[in-house]
Protein backbone atom coordinates (compact mmCIF):
# COMPACT_ATOMS: atom_id res chain seq x y z
CA MET A 1 0.00 0.00 0.00
CA ASP A 2 1.55 3.33 -1.04
CA ASN A 3 1.68 6.47 1.07
CA ASN A 4 -1.27 8.16 -0.69
CA THR A 5 -3.51 5.18 0.05
CA VAL A 6 -2.51 5.18 3.75
CA LEU A 7 -3.29 8.91 4.02
CA PHE A 8 -6.72 8.41 2.39
CA VAL A 9 -7.64 5.64 4.86
CA LEU A 10 -6.54 7.73 7.85
CA LEU A 11 -8.64 10.71 6.77
CA THR A 12 -11.65 8.47 6.18
CA CYS A 13 -11.37 7.04 9.75
CA LEU A 14 -11.17 10.51 11.27
CA VAL A 15 -14.29 11.67 9.44
CA VAL A 16 -16.27 8.59 10.44
CA SER A 17 -15.15 8.90 14.07
CA ASP A 18 -16.16 12.58 14.12
CA SER A 19 -19.59 11.85 12.67
CA VAL A 20 -20.25 9.25 15.39
CA GLN A 21 -19.05 11.26 18.40
CA GLY A 22 -20.46 14.64 17.31
CA THR A 23 -19.20 17.46 15.25
CA LEU A 24 -17.28 19.51 17.85
CA GLN A 25 -16.05 19.00 21.40
CA LEU A 26 -14.66 21.39 23.98
CA SER A 27 -13.57 21.15 27.63
CA ALA A 28 -13.22 23.83 30.30
CA ASN A 29 -12.47 24.21 34.02
CA VAL A 30 -14.13 26.70 36.34
CA PRO A 31 -13.64 27.23 40.11
CA GLU A 32 -16.76 26.69 42.19
CA ASN A 33 -16.50 30.19 43.67
CA ALA A 34 -16.68 31.86 40.24
CA HIS A 35 -18.94 34.91 40.25
CA ALA A 36 -21.93 35.38 37.97
CA GLY A 37 -20.77 36.74 34.62
CA GLU A 38 -17.35 35.10 34.79
CA THR A 39 -16.27 33.51 31.48
CA VAL A 40 -16.05 29.71 31.29
CA THR A 41 -15.02 29.33 27.63
CA SER A 42 -15.64 30.78 24.18
CA VAL A 43 -17.43 28.79 21.50
CA GLN A 44 -15.50 30.73 18.85
CA SER A 45 -12.28 28.95 19.87
CA ALA A 46 -13.84 25.60 18.98
CA ILE A 47 -15.48 26.76 15.75
CA GLY A 48 -12.36 28.50 14.48
CA GLU A 49 -11.38 32.03 13.63
CA GLY A 50 -12.53 33.93 10.56
CA ARG A 51 -15.90 32.26 10.21
CA GLU A 52 -19.22 34.00 9.72
CA GLU A 53 -21.43 35.34 12.52
CA LEU A 54 -22.66 32.66 14.97
CA ARG A 55 -25.69 32.22 17.18
CA CYS A 56 -25.33 29.91 20.21
CA LYS A 57 -27.80 28.35 22.62
CA ILE A 58 -27.44 25.78 25.43
CA VAL A 59 -30.02 23.07 24.75
CA ALA A 60 -29.04 20.28 27.18
CA GLY A 61 -26.87 19.41 30.18
CA ASP A 62 -27.62 22.50 32.28
CA LYS A 63 -30.56 21.27 34.30
CA ASN A 64 -30.22 23.87 37.07
CA ARG A 65 -29.42 26.77 34.73
CA ARG A 66 -25.94 27.43 36.07
CA PHE A 67 -24.69 28.87 32.75
CA LEU A 68 -25.70 31.27 29.98
CA VAL A 69 -24.33 32.13 26.53
CA THR A 70 -23.69 35.71 25.50
CA GLU A 71 -22.30 36.28 21.98
CA CYS A 72 -21.22 32.62 21.97
CA VAL A 73 -19.27 33.04 25.21
CA ILE A 74 -20.32 30.61 27.96
CA GLN A 75 -20.53 32.39 31.32
CA VAL A 76 -21.46 31.51 34.90
CA ALA A 77 -25.09 32.48 35.54
CA ARG A 78 -25.77 31.07 39.03
CA PRO A 79 -23.53 30.01 41.97
CA LEU A 80 -21.74 26.69 41.47
CA ASP A 81 -21.23 24.04 44.15
CA PHE A 82 -18.69 21.25 43.69
CA GLY A 83 -20.45 19.18 46.35
CA VAL A 84 -23.73 19.23 44.41
CA ASP A 85 -22.60 19.08 40.75
CA PRO A 86 -18.87 18.58 40.12
CA SER A 87 -19.26 18.52 36.32
CA TYR A 88 -21.61 19.52 33.50
CA ASN A 89 -21.92 18.11 29.98
CA LEU A 90 -23.40 20.97 27.99
CA THR A 91 -24.83 20.65 24.50
CA VAL A 92 -24.67 23.94 22.59
CA ASN A 93 -26.47 24.51 19.30
CA VAL A 94 -24.29 26.66 17.04
CA THR A 95 -26.09 28.23 14.06
CA ARG A 96 -24.17 29.96 11.31
CA SER A 97 -25.45 32.89 9.31
CA SER A 98 -26.03 30.45 6.47
CA GLY A 99 -28.53 28.65 8.69
CA ASN A 100 -26.61 25.39 9.00
CA PRO A 101 -26.71 24.29 12.68
CA GLU A 102 -23.98 22.34 14.44
CA GLN A 103 -23.78 20.87 17.91
CA LEU A 104 -20.95 21.60 20.31
CA TYR A 105 -20.39 19.35 23.32
CA VAL A 106 -18.74 21.22 26.22
CA ASP A 107 -17.35 19.29 29.20
CA VAL A 108 -17.24 21.71 32.16
CA GLN A 109 -15.33 20.52 35.24
CA VAL A 110 -16.08 22.42 38.47
CA GLN A 111 -12.94 22.81 40.59
CA ASP A 112 -13.17 22.30 44.35
CA VAL A 113 -12.03 25.42 46.23
CA GLU A 114 -10.70 25.06 49.77
CA GLY A 115 -12.83 26.91 52.32
CA TYR A 116 -15.77 27.27 49.95
CA PRO A 117 -18.70 27.34 50.30
CA PRO A 118 -18.94 28.96 53.74
CA VAL A 119 -20.12 26.65 56.52
CA TYR A 120 -23.20 27.41 58.60
CA ASN A 121 -22.07 27.01 62.22
CA ASP A 122 -24.99 26.91 64.67
CA THR A 123 -22.66 27.66 67.60
CA CYS A 124 -22.28 31.31 66.61
CA GLU A 125 -25.67 31.79 64.96
CA MET A 126 -26.61 35.46 65.25
CA PRO A 127 -29.98 37.04 66.07
CA THR A 128 -31.62 39.62 63.79
CA ARG A 129 -31.97 43.22 64.93
CA THR A 130 -34.11 46.08 63.65
CA ALA A 131 -32.13 49.07 64.97
CA TRP A 132 -28.57 50.04 65.78
CA GLY A 133 -27.14 48.71 69.01
CA ASN A 134 -24.94 50.38 71.61
CA SER A 135 -21.96 49.73 69.32
CA GLY A 136 -23.57 51.26 66.24
CA ASP A 137 -23.73 48.92 63.26
CA LEU A 138 -21.55 46.19 64.80
CA ASN A 139 -23.29 42.84 65.20
CA VAL A 140 -21.86 42.55 68.73
CA ASP A 141 -22.37 45.21 71.38
CA MET A 142 -18.85 45.49 72.81
CA LYS A 143 -18.10 47.48 75.95
CA TRP A 144 -14.65 47.93 77.48
CA THR A 145 -13.91 48.63 81.13
CA VAL A 146 -10.58 49.58 82.71
CA LYS A 147 -9.92 49.84 86.43
CA GLY A 148 -6.50 51.03 87.49
CA MET A 149 -4.30 53.32 89.51
CA SER A 150 -3.20 56.80 88.51
CA MET A 151 -0.15 58.41 90.03
CA ASN A 152 -1.93 61.75 90.53
CA ILE A 153 -5.42 60.80 91.71
CA GLY A 154 -5.34 57.17 92.81
CA GLU A 155 -7.97 54.66 91.71
CA VAL A 156 -9.65 55.38 88.36
CA PHE A 157 -12.40 53.76 86.31
CA PHE A 158 -13.15 54.06 82.59
CA SER A 159 -15.91 52.38 80.61
CA ASN A 160 -17.36 52.90 77.15
CA HIS A 161 -18.78 51.09 74.12
CA PHE A 162 -16.87 50.51 70.92
CA TYR A 163 -18.85 52.28 68.21
CA TYR A 164 -18.87 51.73 64.46
CA ASN A 165 -20.67 54.07 62.07
CA PRO A 166 -20.66 52.91 58.43
CA ASN A 167 -21.37 56.49 57.33
CA SER A 168 -18.17 57.74 58.97
CA VAL A 169 -15.18 57.93 56.64
CA LYS A 170 -12.87 57.60 59.66
CA ASP A 171 -14.51 54.35 60.77
CA GLN A 172 -14.43 52.95 57.23
CA VAL A 173 -10.72 53.67 56.89
CA SER A 174 -9.62 52.59 60.36
CA THR A 175 -11.51 49.31 60.79
CA ARG A 176 -11.09 46.00 58.97
CA VAL A 177 -12.77 42.73 59.98
CA TYR A 178 -12.25 39.23 58.60
CA SER A 179 -14.61 36.35 59.44
CA ASP A 180 -13.29 32.80 59.31
CA ASN A 181 -15.21 30.31 57.21
CA ASN A 182 -16.54 27.83 59.72
CA ASN A 183 -15.08 28.00 63.22
CA CYS A 184 -16.66 31.22 64.51
CA LEU A 185 -13.35 33.11 64.46
CA VAL A 186 -13.37 36.85 63.84
CA GLN A 187 -10.12 38.72 63.18
CA PHE A 188 -9.99 42.50 63.29
CA VAL A 189 -7.53 45.30 62.54
CA TRP A 190 -7.81 48.82 63.88
CA LYS A 191 -5.62 51.65 62.62
CA PRO A 192 -5.43 54.54 65.15
CA MET A 193 -6.23 57.80 63.41
CA ASN A 194 -6.26 60.57 66.05
CA GLY A 195 -3.58 61.67 68.48
CA ASP A 196 -5.24 60.27 71.61
CA ASP A 197 -5.53 56.80 70.12
CA ILE A 198 -1.94 56.90 68.86
CA THR A 199 -0.70 57.88 72.33
CA PHE A 200 -2.58 54.97 73.87
CA ILE A 201 -1.32 52.42 71.31
CA ASN A 202 2.26 53.71 71.62
CA SER A 203 2.21 53.26 75.41
CA LEU A 204 0.73 49.79 75.06
CA TRP A 205 3.43 48.83 72.55
CA SER A 206 6.30 50.01 74.76
CA THR A 207 5.14 47.95 77.75
CA SER A 208 4.11 44.75 75.98
CA ILE A 209 7.09 44.00 73.71
CA GLU A 210 8.19 40.96 75.72
CA ARG A 211 4.66 39.58 75.81
CA PRO A 212 2.91 40.91 72.70
CA CYS A 213 -0.32 38.93 72.89
CA LEU A 214 -2.91 39.83 75.51
CA ASN A 215 -5.38 37.02 76.25
CA CYS A 216 -8.87 37.56 77.61
CA SER A 217 -10.95 34.52 78.60
CA GLY A 218 -14.73 34.43 78.54
CA SER A 219 -16.97 33.84 81.54
CA THR A 220 -19.66 31.76 79.79
CA ASP A 221 -17.31 28.92 78.85
CA GLY A 222 -13.64 28.27 78.37
CA ALA A 223 -13.82 28.23 74.57
CA SER A 224 -14.65 31.93 73.98
CA VAL A 225 -11.34 33.79 73.76
CA LEU A 226 -10.44 37.40 72.91
CA GLN A 227 -6.83 38.12 71.91
CA PHE A 228 -5.08 41.21 70.59
CA GLU A 229 -1.64 42.74 70.06
CA VAL A 230 0.05 45.87 68.73
CA LEU A 231 1.98 45.56 65.46
CA HIS A 232 4.70 48.10 64.53
CA SER A 233 5.77 49.34 61.10
CA SER A 234 9.44 48.75 62.01
CA THR A 235 8.79 45.00 61.69
CA GLY A 236 6.69 45.36 58.57
CA PHE A 237 3.63 44.72 60.75
CA THR A 238 4.76 41.09 60.95
CA PRO A 239 3.60 39.38 64.15
CA SER A 240 6.43 38.20 66.38
CA SER A 241 7.35 34.55 66.11
CA SER A 242 6.77 33.81 69.80
CA GLY A 243 3.58 34.59 71.64
CA SER A 244 1.83 36.24 68.71
CA CYS A 245 -1.92 35.85 68.31
CA TYR A 246 -2.91 37.79 65.17
CA THR A 247 -2.63 35.80 61.94
CA GLY A 248 -5.00 37.73 59.69
CA PRO A 249 -4.32 39.95 56.65
CA ILE A 250 -2.36 43.19 57.03
CA PRO A 251 -4.02 46.11 55.20
CA GLN A 252 -2.12 48.87 53.43
CA THR A 253 -1.51 51.78 55.81
CA ASP A 254 0.78 54.72 56.46
CA ARG A 255 0.28 54.36 60.22
CA GLN A 256 3.15 53.56 62.59
CA PHE A 257 1.02 51.14 64.61
CA ILE A 258 -1.92 48.88 63.92
CA PHE A 259 -3.96 47.00 66.49
CA GLY A 260 -4.80 43.41 65.52
CA GLY A 261 -6.78 40.77 67.34
CA SER A 262 -9.15 37.85 67.15
CA LEU A 263 -12.36 36.76 68.85
CA THR A 264 -13.54 33.16 68.98
CA ILE A 265 -17.26 32.97 69.66
CA SER A 266 -18.47 29.67 71.11
CA SER A 267 -21.81 30.86 72.43
CA MET A 268 -24.39 33.46 71.51
CA LYS A 269 -24.92 34.30 75.15
CA ARG A 270 -23.58 37.46 76.70
CA ASN A 271 -19.91 37.01 77.56
CA LEU A 272 -17.61 38.91 79.90
CA PHE A 273 -13.94 38.66 78.92
CA THR A 274 -11.34 39.25 81.63
CA CYS A 275 -7.82 39.97 80.38
CA ASP A 276 -4.62 38.44 81.72
CA LEU A 277 -2.36 41.48 82.04
CA PRO A 278 1.46 41.34 81.94
CA ASP A 279 3.51 42.62 84.85
CA ASN A 280 4.63 46.25 84.93
CA ILE A 281 2.19 47.34 82.22
CA SER A 282 1.34 51.02 82.00
CA VAL A 283 -0.80 52.83 79.45
CA SER A 284 -1.62 56.44 78.64
CA LEU A 285 -5.30 57.30 78.48
CA ILE A 286 -6.59 60.75 77.54
CA PRO A 287 -10.25 60.90 78.57
CA HIS A 288 -11.89 64.28 77.94
CA GLY A 289 -8.52 65.81 77.02
CA ASN A 290 -6.88 65.00 80.37
CA GLY A 291 -3.83 62.78 79.90
CA ARG A 292 -3.17 60.17 82.57
CA ASP A 293 -0.68 57.36 82.95
CA ILE A 294 -2.62 54.38 84.23
CA ILE A 295 -1.46 51.11 85.74
CA PRO A 296 -4.38 48.87 84.77
CA LEU A 297 -5.50 46.44 87.45
CA LEU A 298 -8.51 45.06 85.60
CA VAL A 299 -9.41 45.11 81.90
CA GLU A 300 -12.73 43.61 80.81
CA PHE A 301 -14.72 43.40 77.60
CA ASP A 302 -18.48 42.83 77.74
CA ALA A 303 -19.75 41.26 74.50
CA GLN A 304 -23.46 40.90 73.72
CA PRO A 305 -24.35 39.49 70.26
CA VAL A 306 -27.14 41.57 68.70
CA GLY A 307 -26.88 40.53 65.04
CA CYS A 308 -27.43 42.48 61.84
CA PRO A 309 -30.53 43.92 60.16
CA PRO A 310 -32.46 41.56 57.86
CA ASN A 311 -30.53 40.45 54.75
CA LYS A 312 -27.20 41.72 56.11
CA TYR A 313 -24.26 39.85 57.61
CA GLY A 314 -20.69 40.35 58.81
CA VAL A 315 -19.26 41.85 61.99
CA LEU A 316 -19.76 45.31 60.45
CA CYS A 317 -23.11 44.29 58.91
CA ASP A 318 -21.78 45.51 55.58
CA GLN A 319 -22.39 42.40 53.45
CA ASN A 320 -25.59 41.45 51.60
CA CYS A 321 -27.11 38.01 52.13
CA THR A 322 -27.65 35.95 48.97
CA CYS A 323 -29.68 33.06 50.42
CA GLU A 324 -32.87 32.12 48.57
CA ASN A 325 -36.05 30.07 49.07
CA GLY A 326 -36.47 30.86 52.75
CA ALA A 327 -32.93 29.89 53.74
CA ARG A 328 -31.44 31.43 56.88
CA CYS A 329 -28.37 33.64 56.38
CA HIS A 330 -25.57 33.27 58.94
CA GLY A 331 -24.82 36.55 60.66
CA LEU A 332 -21.04 36.14 60.57
CA ASN A 333 -20.06 34.63 57.21
CA GLY A 334 -23.28 34.71 55.18
CA ALA A 335 -23.51 30.91 54.86
CA CYS A 336 -26.99 29.67 53.96
CA LYS A 337 -29.00 27.14 55.97
CA CYS A 338 -31.33 25.63 53.39
CA GLN A 339 -34.95 24.70 53.87
CA PRO A 340 -35.90 21.09 53.04
CA GLY A 341 -35.89 20.40 49.32
CA TRP A 342 -33.15 22.92 48.50
CA GLN A 343 -29.37 22.72 48.27
CA GLY A 344 -26.40 24.62 46.89
CA VAL A 345 -24.43 27.64 48.03
CA VAL A 346 -27.47 29.96 48.04
CA CYS A 347 -30.11 27.20 48.32
CA ASP A 348 -31.36 27.64 44.75
CA ILE A 349 -30.89 24.06 43.51
CA PRO A 350 -33.94 21.85 44.08
CA TYR A 351 -33.65 18.22 45.10
CA SER A 352 -36.28 15.56 45.63
CA THR A 353 -36.81 14.46 49.20
CA VAL A 354 -39.36 13.46 51.80
CA VAL A 355 -38.88 14.90 55.28
CA ILE A 356 -40.60 14.91 58.64
CA ILE A 357 -41.10 18.44 59.96
CA GLU A 358 -41.75 18.83 63.67
CA THR A 359 -43.52 21.72 65.36
CA PRO A 360 -42.09 23.30 67.44
CA GLY A 361 -38.88 22.92 65.49
CA ASP A 362 -36.63 24.03 68.35
CA SER A 363 -35.99 20.97 70.53
CA ARG A 364 -35.37 23.27 73.51
CA ARG A 365 -39.09 24.13 73.46
CA ILE A 366 -40.26 20.50 73.57
CA TYR A 367 -41.21 19.24 77.01
CA ILE A 368 -42.37 15.81 78.11
CA SER A 369 -45.86 17.14 78.84
CA GLY A 370 -46.04 19.19 75.65
CA THR A 371 -47.40 18.40 72.21
CA VAL A 372 -45.24 17.84 69.15
CA THR A 373 -46.83 17.94 65.70
CA LEU A 374 -45.13 15.90 62.97
CA HIS A 375 -45.80 16.52 59.27
CA CYS A 376 -44.54 14.32 56.46
CA LYS A 377 -43.87 16.55 53.43
CA VAL A 378 -42.73 15.93 49.86
CA PHE A 379 -40.44 18.33 47.98
CA HIS A 380 -39.92 18.30 44.19
CA LEU A 381 -41.38 14.82 43.93
CA THR A 382 -44.72 13.46 42.76
CA ALA A 383 -46.09 11.08 45.39
CA ASP A 384 -49.38 9.23 45.04
CA ARG A 385 -49.22 7.63 48.49
CA MET A 386 -47.06 7.87 51.61
CA MET A 387 -46.79 5.43 54.51
CA TRP A 388 -45.35 6.37 57.88
CA THR A 389 -44.31 3.48 60.10
CA PHE A 390 -42.57 3.20 63.46
CA PRO A 391 -39.95 0.41 63.24
CA ASN A 392 -40.36 -0.44 66.93
CA LYS A 393 -44.03 0.54 67.07
CA THR A 394 -44.28 2.34 70.44
CA GLU A 395 -42.76 -0.23 72.73
CA LYS A 396 -39.40 1.48 73.17
CA TRP A 397 -41.03 4.76 74.15
CA LEU A 398 -43.10 3.06 76.83
CA GLN A 399 -40.16 1.35 78.49
CA GLY A 400 -39.41 4.58 80.33
CA ALA A 401 -42.16 3.92 82.89
CA GLN A 402 -40.20 1.37 84.94
CA GLU A 403 -41.14 2.38 88.45
CA ASP A 404 -40.46 -1.13 89.78
CA ARG A 405 -36.73 -0.70 89.05
CA ILE A 406 -36.61 2.31 91.38
CA SER A 407 -38.44 0.39 94.11
CA ARG A 408 -35.66 -2.22 93.90
CA ALA A 409 -33.15 0.57 94.44
CA LEU A 410 -35.06 1.68 97.55
CA GLU A 411 -35.02 -1.90 98.79
CA GLU A 412 -31.24 -2.04 98.41
CA LEU A 413 -30.83 1.29 100.22
CA ARG A 414 -33.03 0.02 103.04
CA ARG A 415 -30.87 -3.11 103.31
CA LEU A 416 -27.81 -0.87 103.61
CA ARG A 417 -29.65 1.41 106.07
CA ILE A 418 -29.15 4.44 103.86
CA ALA A 419 -31.70 7.21 103.37
CA HIS A 420 -31.49 8.85 99.94
CA GLY A 421 -33.19 12.12 100.87
CA ASP A 422 -34.02 13.32 97.34
CA VAL A 423 -35.95 10.61 95.51
CA ALA A 424 -37.41 12.32 92.43
CA ALA A 425 -37.67 11.86 88.68
CA ARG A 426 -34.81 14.33 88.15
CA ASN A 427 -32.51 11.91 89.99
CA VAL A 428 -33.35 8.88 87.85
CA LEU A 429 -30.78 7.88 85.25
CA VAL A 430 -31.96 5.75 82.31
CA SER A 431 -29.06 3.76 80.85
CA GLY A 432 -28.50 2.94 77.20
CA ASP A 433 -30.20 -0.43 77.62
CA ASP A 434 -33.30 1.23 79.15
CA VAL A 435 -32.58 0.36 82.78
CA ALA A 436 -33.81 3.00 85.23
CA LYS A 437 -31.30 3.66 88.03
CA LEU A 438 -31.71 5.81 91.12
CA ALA A 439 -28.89 8.33 91.27
CA ASP A 440 -28.11 11.46 93.24
CA PHE A 441 -27.35 14.50 91.11
CA GLY A 442 -26.35 16.91 93.84
CA LEU A 443 -26.58 19.93 91.54
CA ALA A 444 -29.98 19.06 90.09
CA HIS A 445 -31.49 22.20 91.61
CA ASP A 446 -29.31 24.32 89.31
CA VAL A 447 -31.21 23.20 86.22
CA TYR A 448 -34.74 23.08 87.63
CA THR A 449 -37.12 25.89 88.36
CA GLU A 450 -36.89 27.94 91.49
CA THR A 451 -40.02 26.24 92.79
CA THR A 452 -38.31 22.83 92.97
CA TYR A 453 -35.75 23.55 95.69
CA VAL A 454 -37.11 26.12 98.13
CA PRO A 455 -35.13 27.93 100.84
CA ALA A 456 -36.15 26.93 104.33
CA VAL A 457 -34.88 28.82 107.37
CA ASN A 458 -34.62 26.79 110.57
CA ASP A 459 -32.47 27.66 113.58
CA ASP A 460 -30.44 30.19 111.59
CA VAL A 461 -29.62 27.58 108.93
CA ASP A 462 -30.58 28.53 105.38
CA GLU A 463 -30.88 25.47 103.12
CA LEU A 464 -32.49 24.53 99.83
CA LEU A 465 -34.96 21.67 100.15
CA PRO A 466 -37.22 19.81 97.68
CA LEU A 467 -40.29 20.59 99.79
CA LYS A 468 -42.96 19.10 97.52
CA TRP A 469 -41.14 15.75 97.45
CA MET A 470 -40.52 15.60 101.20
CA ALA A 471 -42.44 13.51 103.73
CA LEU A 472 -44.48 15.25 106.39
CA GLU A 473 -42.10 14.29 109.20
CA SER A 474 -39.08 15.45 107.18
CA LEU A 475 -40.67 18.86 106.64
CA GLU A 476 -41.12 19.23 110.39
CA SER A 477 -37.85 17.74 111.64
CA ARG A 478 -35.45 17.92 108.65
CA GLU A 479 -34.73 14.22 109.24
CA PHE A 480 -34.70 11.71 106.39
CA THR A 481 -35.36 7.98 106.72
CA CYS A 482 -36.12 5.03 104.47
CA GLU A 483 -39.81 5.66 105.20
CA SER A 484 -39.50 9.29 104.06
CA ASP A 485 -37.89 8.00 100.85
CA THR A 486 -41.04 5.93 100.30
CA TRP A 487 -43.13 9.14 100.49
CA SER A 488 -40.84 10.75 97.90
CA PHE A 489 -41.17 7.65 95.72
CA GLY A 490 -44.92 8.22 95.67
CA VAL A 491 -44.29 11.73 94.33
CA LEU A 492 -41.97 10.22 91.70
CA LEU A 493 -44.82 7.93 90.60
CA TRP A 494 -47.04 11.00 90.37
CA GLU A 495 -44.45 12.75 88.14
CA ILE A 496 -44.41 9.80 85.74
CA ALA A 497 -48.19 9.56 85.59
CA ALA A 498 -48.40 13.35 85.03
CA PHE A 499 -45.85 13.19 82.18
CA GLY A 500 -43.26 15.32 83.95
CA GLU A 501 -45.51 17.99 85.42
CA GLU A 502 -44.23 19.69 88.55
CA PRO A 503 -46.17 18.63 91.66
CA SER A 504 -48.60 21.20 93.04
CA TYR A 505 -50.94 21.09 96.02
CA GLN A 506 -54.31 22.75 95.41
CA ARG A 507 -52.81 24.23 92.20
CA GLN A 508 -50.27 26.26 94.18
CA ARG A 509 -46.86 25.87 92.56
CA GLN A 510 -44.89 27.57 95.31
CA LEU A 511 -45.64 26.94 98.97
CA SER A 512 -43.76 27.85 102.11
CA CYS A 513 -42.72 25.03 104.40
CA PRO A 514 -45.21 25.91 107.21
CA LYS A 515 -48.10 26.21 104.76
CA LEU A 516 -47.28 22.86 103.13
CA VAL A 517 -47.10 21.17 106.55
CA GLY A 518 -50.52 22.61 107.39
CA LEU A 519 -52.06 21.24 104.17
CA LEU A 520 -50.58 17.78 104.68
CA ARG A 521 -51.79 17.68 108.31
CA GLN A 522 -55.30 18.39 106.98
CA GLY A 523 -55.03 15.31 104.75
CA VAL A 524 -54.47 17.19 101.48
CA ARG A 525 -52.49 15.15 98.94
CA LEU A 526 -51.55 15.47 95.27
CA ASP A 527 -54.56 15.04 92.98
CA ARG A 528 -54.82 12.03 90.69
CA PRO A 529 -53.22 12.92 87.33
CA PRO A 530 -55.58 12.84 84.33
CA GLY A 531 -55.70 9.35 82.84
CA CYS A 532 -53.93 7.76 85.78
CA PRO A 533 -55.41 4.31 86.66
CA ASP A 534 -57.07 4.14 90.07
CA LYS A 535 -54.89 1.23 91.14
CA LEU A 536 -51.69 3.16 90.44
CA TYR A 537 -53.04 6.21 92.31
CA ASP A 538 -53.82 3.93 95.27
CA VAL A 539 -50.15 2.93 95.33
CA MET A 540 -49.19 6.61 95.43
CA LYS A 541 -51.57 7.37 98.30
CA SER A 542 -50.21 4.43 100.30
CA CYS A 543 -46.78 6.06 100.10
CA TRP A 544 -48.22 9.30 101.53
CA ARG A 545 -49.68 7.88 104.73
CA GLU A 546 -49.08 10.17 107.66
CA GLU A 547 -47.66 7.43 109.90
CA PRO A 548 -44.26 6.36 108.50
CA SER A 549 -44.58 2.77 109.68
CA ALA A 550 -47.88 2.40 107.77
CA ARG A 551 -46.22 3.02 104.41
CA PRO A 552 -45.47 -0.01 102.19
CA GLU A 553 -41.97 -1.45 102.09
CA PRO A 554 -40.07 -1.49 98.78
CA ALA A 555 -40.72 -5.19 98.15
CA GLU A 556 -44.47 -4.63 98.52
CA LEU A 557 -44.27 -1.61 96.21
CA GLU A 558 -42.51 -3.67 93.54
CA GLN A 559 -45.23 -6.31 93.71
CA LYS A 560 -48.05 -3.77 93.44
CA LEU A 561 -46.37 -1.99 90.54
CA THR A 562 -45.87 -5.28 88.72
CA GLU A 563 -49.59 -5.95 89.07
CA CYS A 564 -50.36 -2.48 87.72
CA CYS A 565 -48.13 -3.09 84.70
CA GLN A 566 -49.82 -6.40 83.99
CA GLU A 567 -53.19 -4.68 83.95
CA LEU A 568 -51.88 -1.95 81.67
CA ASP A 569 -50.18 -4.32 79.20
CA PRO A 570 -53.22 -4.73 76.91
CA LEU A 571 -53.41 -0.94 76.57
CA LEU A 572 -49.69 -0.54 75.92
CA ALA A 573 -49.65 -3.27 73.28
CA VAL A 574 -52.12 -1.49 70.99
CA ASP A 575 -50.44 -0.48 67.71
CA ILE A 576 -50.78 3.09 66.57
């Protein structure tokens, strides 16, 4: 076969291959954080230069409309998300002026970008405000307090709010804030502009060179930390290698000093930061034009998150939220928390799902005696029929009412001749295998209402007592026995039957000790909870007999409760 024949065969194969795979192919890469309007690729480069005028249209492969074509240039139209769609296979119809259409296949690969998209961190979720706070347009009201000694006048005290006004040119020039992507870290830079501020920063620099970073720990928890340091132009504003705490960007400035710091927010509660001051520190403060050299003894920062106005985010509330379809915008970094059925950076990409929505949605508002409404909803999906089943029916939920296990604990305490003194539902621990155990959480009164543990003054001794759980004789003598534990066990049974309601005598939630003793002496007892079987209420009343020796022993209680459970079994076994 001569060379001309070989060349003819090769050209024939190329033409056949091209007619099978499509006329034209093109590939392109685009970062997922590309802005709308950014160019992905040009169709002209695939068609070739010098050809007639072209008209281009995307006809397939762009199901969520992430791209558009302008003058045959493919551009980003909507935010991309590598985690949702890492690639697109676009089909573009290319029509020449002669009217002959061609198809162009464009393979677009979305590049994963580190730190993008921003992460919605519930820990530092911000509220929404409707007016400026004490710190102007900052999303945190920040107040500083300094207590110290002055050589001329002795003890001094200064306190004021940091204030940011977005309409002030000075504030815009002097303040820079950078929010970290996902760990609730805020870094800030302040450039002193007036003479008083420069004097203060200069004095702070001269006394903190050996220990540049000042640490201030929060009062709410150990994770909230405020740190700051002074950076000098002589070092190129580079933080020192040892003990430095500012790692954020350094803005362009003609200042001699800049003040850099960071704030880690681990709670949206109000936080009081107390600073750990170095030895021999002295600063110059000029309040109201009167210069004073101060030896600070205490430096505190009071931080109260207040959030930004609607559709704004950032520490300076200077960024616009882009979240769509009812998504919540994070107050620090603008990350979007999508509603069910939506995904993507700004929650504009639909996805098919079935979810259970509970009302109230905040689990902190759901109590054992409250009502929770569950709705099964379909998003972006056609459903003819839905079935909702409980894998374990309701048996697991009902295993919590195991009063007989607690009576066994009382029996063991009686054998050991130990009086518990605070038998109540709040002191029952349910293990992972659904075994109820009687415990003693000594600090339980810290997390219960003020009506649970009531102060009682007796012989100049002020103590907190669980009055409504205490036996009559214990209220009068402050003595606890195994028989008084039996009384308290009856109240525990009442709590279970009342689905966690707080005990109340004659609908009075808070009673003094003398008044409660008077009611009990008159024979008043806790009313039968609604729906409580008579036999179970009889067990409760037997625990509340006035004479301690007449109350049932733990073994008898266990037997009676077992009988009650056997009678209730047919009711508990009904499927719902």
